[in-house]
Amino acid sequence: MHAELVRVALHEVDIKIVAEDRMHVLQWRRNLLWDEVLLDGMRQASSHGLFSREKVYGLVFGRDEEGRGGHQVMLILDPGYGSYDYSNNGQRLKGVRVEGVDGPLVSYGSLDAKALEKPATFADWMKKSIGMDWGADHTRRPN
């Protein structure tokens, strides 16, 4: 099974999942009073309320008529305000993660495993936090 993020916005997430030569589209939508999860255009789960809506969804798709088989997927969301996307003039979700039976399929932002790792050196911390890179080649310096 393979997954890939197609779109991450503040109120919308689209994920492409390929399993056994079939493509599925997993979507999350945030509306004013409810969130919903769609798989191939059909509502699979919803969460209602003004605050404290569900952030973890378990899905099984591809089952046969008796309910056997299929692929199990867990969708985890961090719906806080994340980074600002200057190319689309909008904010993004803080984090998205899709887990399969064998482990993570795709992760982004605050739910990415790399985001939880602590930097080993001060230079790594600078690179991670503000994007500064001192360069690996210390013999050659700019003017």
C-alpha atoms as a PDB file:
ATOM      1  CA  MET A   1       0.000   0.000   0.000  1.00  0.00           C
ATOM      2  CA  HIS A   2       1.248   3.470  -0.882  1.00  0.00           C
ATOM      3  CA  ALA A   3      -0.160   6.906   0.030  1.00  0.00           C
ATOM      4  CA  GLU A   4       0.653  10.416  -1.109  1.00  0.00           C
ATOM      5  CA  LEU A   5      -0.598  13.858  -0.101  1.00  0.00           C
ATOM      6  CA  VAL A   6      -2.331  15.642  -2.954  1.00  0.00           C
ATOM      7  CA  ARG A   7      -3.558  18.768  -1.168  1.00  0.00           C
ATOM      8  CA  VAL A   8      -3.172  20.129   2.351  1.00  0.00           C
ATOM      9  CA  ALA A   9      -5.127  23.287   3.150  1.00  0.00           C
ATOM     10  CA  LEU A  10      -6.631  24.709   6.334  1.00  0.00           C
ATOM     11  CA  HIS A  11     -10.045  23.053   5.888  1.00  0.00           C
ATOM     12  CA  GLU A  12      -9.271  20.377   3.280  1.00  0.00           C
ATOM     13  CA  VAL A  13      -6.951  17.398   2.947  1.00  0.00           C
ATOM     14  CA  ASP A  14      -6.812  15.096  -0.086  1.00  0.00           C
ATOM     15  CA  ILE A  15      -4.762  11.893   0.000  1.00  0.00           C
ATOM     16  CA  LYS A  16      -4.214   9.381  -2.801  1.00  0.00           C
ATOM     17  CA  ILE A  17      -3.958   5.759  -1.637  1.00  0.00           C
ATOM     18  CA  VAL A  18      -2.874   2.991  -4.010  1.00  0.00           C
ATOM     19  CA  ALA A  19      -3.580  -0.568  -2.880  1.00  0.00           C
ATOM     20  CA  GLU A  20      -3.404  -3.656  -5.079  1.00  0.00           C
ATOM     21  CA  ASP A  21      -3.465  -1.710  -8.374  1.00  0.00           C
ATOM     22  CA  ARG A  22      -6.507   0.329  -7.284  1.00  0.00           C
ATOM     23  CA  MET A  23      -6.434   4.016  -6.461  1.00  0.00           C
ATOM     24  CA  HIS A  24      -8.579   5.480  -3.704  1.00  0.00           C
ATOM     25  CA  VAL A  25      -9.068   9.106  -2.686  1.00  0.00           C
ATOM     26  CA  LEU A  26      -9.254   9.834   1.038  1.00  0.00           C
ATOM     27  CA  GLN A  27     -10.583  13.313   1.850  1.00  0.00           C
ATOM     28  CA  TRP A  28     -11.071  15.282   5.055  1.00  0.00           C
ATOM     29  CA  ARG A  29     -13.271  18.378   5.077  1.00  0.00           C
ATOM     30  CA  ARG A  30     -13.859  20.859   7.904  1.00  0.00           C
ATOM     31  CA  ASN A  31     -17.168  22.692   7.824  1.00  0.00           C
ATOM     32  CA  LEU A  32     -18.570  25.196  10.295  1.00  0.00           C
ATOM     33  CA  LEU A  33     -20.136  22.666  12.692  1.00  0.00           C
ATOM     34  CA  TRP A  34     -18.835  19.295  11.481  1.00  0.00           C
ATOM     35  CA  ASP A  35     -15.857  17.478  10.008  1.00  0.00           C
ATOM     36  CA  GLU A  36     -16.235  14.642   7.560  1.00  0.00           C
ATOM     37  CA  VAL A  37     -14.021  11.941   6.080  1.00  0.00           C
ATOM     38  CA  LEU A  38     -14.781  10.762   2.553  1.00  0.00           C
ATOM     39  CA  LEU A  39     -13.359   7.732   0.793  1.00  0.00           C
ATOM     40  CA  ASP A  40     -13.894   7.672  -2.964  1.00  0.00           C
ATOM     41  CA  GLY A  41     -16.540  10.371  -2.573  1.00  0.00           C
ATOM     42  CA  MET A  42     -18.626   8.505   0.024  1.00  0.00           C
ATOM     43  CA  ARG A  43     -18.855   9.682   3.639  1.00  0.00           C
ATOM     44  CA  GLN A  44     -17.148   7.248   5.989  1.00  0.00           C
ATOM     45  CA  ALA A  45     -17.097   9.211   9.245  1.00  0.00           C
ATOM     46  CA  SER A  46     -18.152  12.551  10.650  1.00  0.00           C
ATOM     47  CA  SER A  47     -17.594  14.525  13.818  1.00  0.00           C
ATOM     48  CA  HIS A  48     -20.003  17.200  14.999  1.00  0.00           C
ATOM     49  CA  GLY A  49     -19.692  20.075  17.418  1.00  0.00           C
ATOM     50  CA  LEU A  50     -18.270  23.526  17.822  1.00  0.00           C
ATOM     51  CA  PHE A  51     -15.136  22.455  19.718  1.00  0.00           C
ATOM     52  CA  SER A  52     -13.244  19.214  20.421  1.00  0.00           C
ATOM     53  CA  ARG A  53     -14.073  17.340  17.245  1.00  0.00           C
ATOM     54  CA  GLU A  54     -12.571  13.945  16.475  1.00  0.00           C
ATOM     55  CA  LYS A  55      -8.983  13.966  15.234  1.00  0.00           C
ATOM     56  CA  VAL A  56      -8.372  10.220  14.750  1.00  0.00           C
ATOM     57  CA  TYR A  57     -10.361   8.167  12.257  1.00  0.00           C
ATOM     58  CA  GLY A  58     -10.111   4.427  11.627  1.00  0.00           C
ATOM     59  CA  LEU A  59     -11.163   3.234   8.173  1.00  0.00           C
ATOM     60  CA  VAL A  60     -11.413  -0.139   6.442  1.00  0.00           C
ATOM     61  CA  PHE A  61     -11.908  -0.197   2.691  1.00  0.00           C
ATOM     62  CA  GLY A  62     -11.955  -2.907   0.068  1.00  0.00           C
ATOM     63  CA  ARG A  63     -13.901  -5.457   2.144  1.00  0.00           C
ATOM     64  CA  ASP A  64     -15.948  -8.137   0.457  1.00  0.00           C
ATOM     65  CA  GLU A  65     -19.728  -8.496   0.908  1.00  0.00           C
ATOM     66  CA  GLU A  66     -19.313 -10.624   4.052  1.00  0.00           C
ATOM     67  CA  GLY A  67     -17.119  -7.947   5.634  1.00  0.00           C
ATOM     68  CA  ARG A  68     -13.851  -9.879   5.354  1.00  0.00           C
ATOM     69  CA  GLY A  69     -10.533  -8.620   4.065  1.00  0.00           C
ATOM     70  CA  GLY A  70      -9.859  -5.050   3.095  1.00  0.00           C
ATOM     71  CA  HIS A  71      -7.218  -2.546   4.095  1.00  0.00           C
ATOM     72  CA  GLN A  72      -7.123  -0.871   7.475  1.00  0.00           C
ATOM     73  CA  VAL A  73      -6.034   2.760   7.587  1.00  0.00           C
ATOM     74  CA  MET A  74      -5.869   5.280  10.424  1.00  0.00           C
ATOM     75  CA  LEU A  75      -6.121   8.998   9.593  1.00  0.00           C
ATOM     76  CA  ILE A  76      -4.704  11.339  12.258  1.00  0.00           C
ATOM     77  CA  LEU A  77      -5.069  15.133  12.007  1.00  0.00           C
ATOM     78  CA  ASP A  78      -3.655  18.094  13.891  1.00  0.00           C
ATOM     79  CA  PRO A  79      -6.164  20.774  12.801  1.00  0.00           C
ATOM     80  CA  GLY A  80      -4.370  23.734  14.373  1.00  0.00           C
ATOM     81  CA  TYR A  81      -2.991  26.584  12.316  1.00  0.00           C
ATOM     82  CA  GLY A  82       0.201  25.520  10.596  1.00  0.00           C
ATOM     83  CA  SER A  83       2.482  27.194   8.118  1.00  0.00           C
ATOM     84  CA  TYR A  84       1.394  29.917   5.731  1.00  0.00           C
ATOM     85  CA  ASP A  85       1.565  28.939   2.066  1.00  0.00           C
ATOM     86  CA  TYR A  86       2.593  32.056   0.141  1.00  0.00           C
ATOM     87  CA  SER A  87       2.034  30.468  -3.267  1.00  0.00           C
ATOM     88  CA  ASN A  88      -1.668  29.834  -2.559  1.00  0.00           C
ATOM     89  CA  ASN A  89      -2.206  32.710  -0.102  1.00  0.00           C
ATOM     90  CA  GLY A  90      -3.623  30.488   2.591  1.00  0.00           C
ATOM     91  CA  GLN A  91      -2.805  28.650   5.777  1.00  0.00           C
ATOM     92  CA  ARG A  92      -2.350  24.920   6.103  1.00  0.00           C
ATOM     93  CA  LEU A  93      -3.176  22.333   8.707  1.00  0.00           C
ATOM     94  CA  LYS A  94      -0.535  21.757  11.341  1.00  0.00           C
ATOM     95  CA  GLY A  95      -0.159  18.029  10.671  1.00  0.00           C
ATOM     96  CA  VAL A  96      -1.528  14.991   8.828  1.00  0.00           C
ATOM     97  CA  ARG A  97      -0.599  11.321   9.193  1.00  0.00           C
ATOM     98  CA  VAL A  98      -1.941   8.162   7.567  1.00  0.00           C
ATOM     99  CA  GLU A  99      -0.993   4.860   9.192  1.00  0.00           C
ATOM    100  CA  GLY A 100      -1.458   1.423   7.682  1.00  0.00           C
ATOM    101  CA  VAL A 101      -1.048  -1.984   9.270  1.00  0.00           C
ATOM    102  CA  ASP A 102       2.669  -2.010   8.462  1.00  0.00           C
ATOM    103  CA  GLY A 103       3.397   1.517   9.675  1.00  0.00           C
ATOM    104  CA  PRO A 104       3.102   5.115   8.488  1.00  0.00           C
ATOM    105  CA  LEU A 105       2.134   5.602   4.849  1.00  0.00           C
ATOM    106  CA  VAL A 106       2.462   9.386   4.731  1.00  0.00           C
ATOM    107  CA  SER A 107       3.039  12.119   7.310  1.00  0.00           C
ATOM    108  CA  TYR A 108       3.256  15.887   7.191  1.00  0.00           C
ATOM    109  CA  GLY A 109       3.977  18.747   9.589  1.00  0.00           C
ATOM    110  CA  SER A 110       3.680  18.256  13.324  1.00  0.00           C
ATOM    111  CA  LEU A 111       2.741  14.570  12.927  1.00  0.00           C
ATOM    112  CA  ASP A 112       5.826  13.730  10.889  1.00  0.00           C
ATOM    113  CA  ALA A 113       8.246  11.478  12.761  1.00  0.00           C
ATOM    114  CA  LYS A 114      11.136  13.787  11.821  1.00  0.00           C
ATOM    115  CA  ALA A 115       9.375  16.707  13.542  1.00  0.00           C
ATOM    116  CA  LEU A 116       9.578  14.834  16.848  1.00  0.00           C
ATOM    117  CA  GLU A 117      13.320  14.141  16.622  1.00  0.00           C
ATOM    118  CA  LYS A 118      15.598  16.385  18.654  1.00  0.00           C
ATOM    119  CA  PRO A 119      18.521  17.931  16.773  1.00  0.00           C
ATOM    120  CA  ALA A 120      21.953  16.521  17.630  1.00  0.00           C
ATOM    121  CA  THR A 121      23.952  19.745  17.296  1.00  0.00           C
ATOM    122  CA  PHE A 122      23.396  23.485  17.392  1.00  0.00           C
ATOM    123  CA  ALA A 123      23.828  23.669  13.600  1.00  0.00           C
ATOM    124  CA  ASP A 124      21.089  21.043  13.176  1.00  0.00           C
ATOM    125  CA  TRP A 125      18.802  23.046  15.474  1.00  0.00           C
ATOM    126  CA  MET A 126      19.434  26.240  13.441  1.00  0.00           C
ATOM    127  CA  LYS A 127      18.700  24.420  10.208  1.00  0.00           C
ATOM    128  CA  LYS A 128      15.494  22.879  11.601  1.00  0.00           C
ATOM    129  CA  SER A 129      14.086  25.907  13.398  1.00  0.00           C
ATOM    130  CA  ILE A 130      14.911  28.821  11.096  1.00  0.00           C
ATOM    131  CA  GLY A 131      16.353  27.221   8.009  1.00  0.00           C
ATOM    132  CA  MET A 132      19.915  28.499   8.413  1.00  0.00           C
ATOM    133  CA  ASP A 133      22.617  26.240   6.997  1.00  0.00           C
ATOM    134  CA  TRP A 134      26.256  26.916   7.851  1.00  0.00           C
ATOM    135  CA  GLY A 135      27.430  24.588   5.082  1.00  0.00           C
ATOM    136  CA  ALA A 136      29.218  21.279   5.331  1.00  0.00           C
ATOM    137  CA  ASP A 137      32.436  22.410   3.645  1.00  0.00           C
ATOM    138  CA  HIS A 138      34.400  24.468   6.201  1.00  0.00           C
ATOM    139  CA  THR A 139      37.550  24.762   4.062  1.00  0.00           C
ATOM    140  CA  ARG A 140      35.922  27.009   1.463  1.00  0.00           C
ATOM    141  CA  ARG A 141      34.426  30.243   2.754  1.00  0.00           C
ATOM    142  CA  PRO A 142      32.611  32.946   0.834  1.00  0.00           C
ATOM    143  CA  ASN A 143      34.501  36.251   0.398  1.00  0.00           C
END
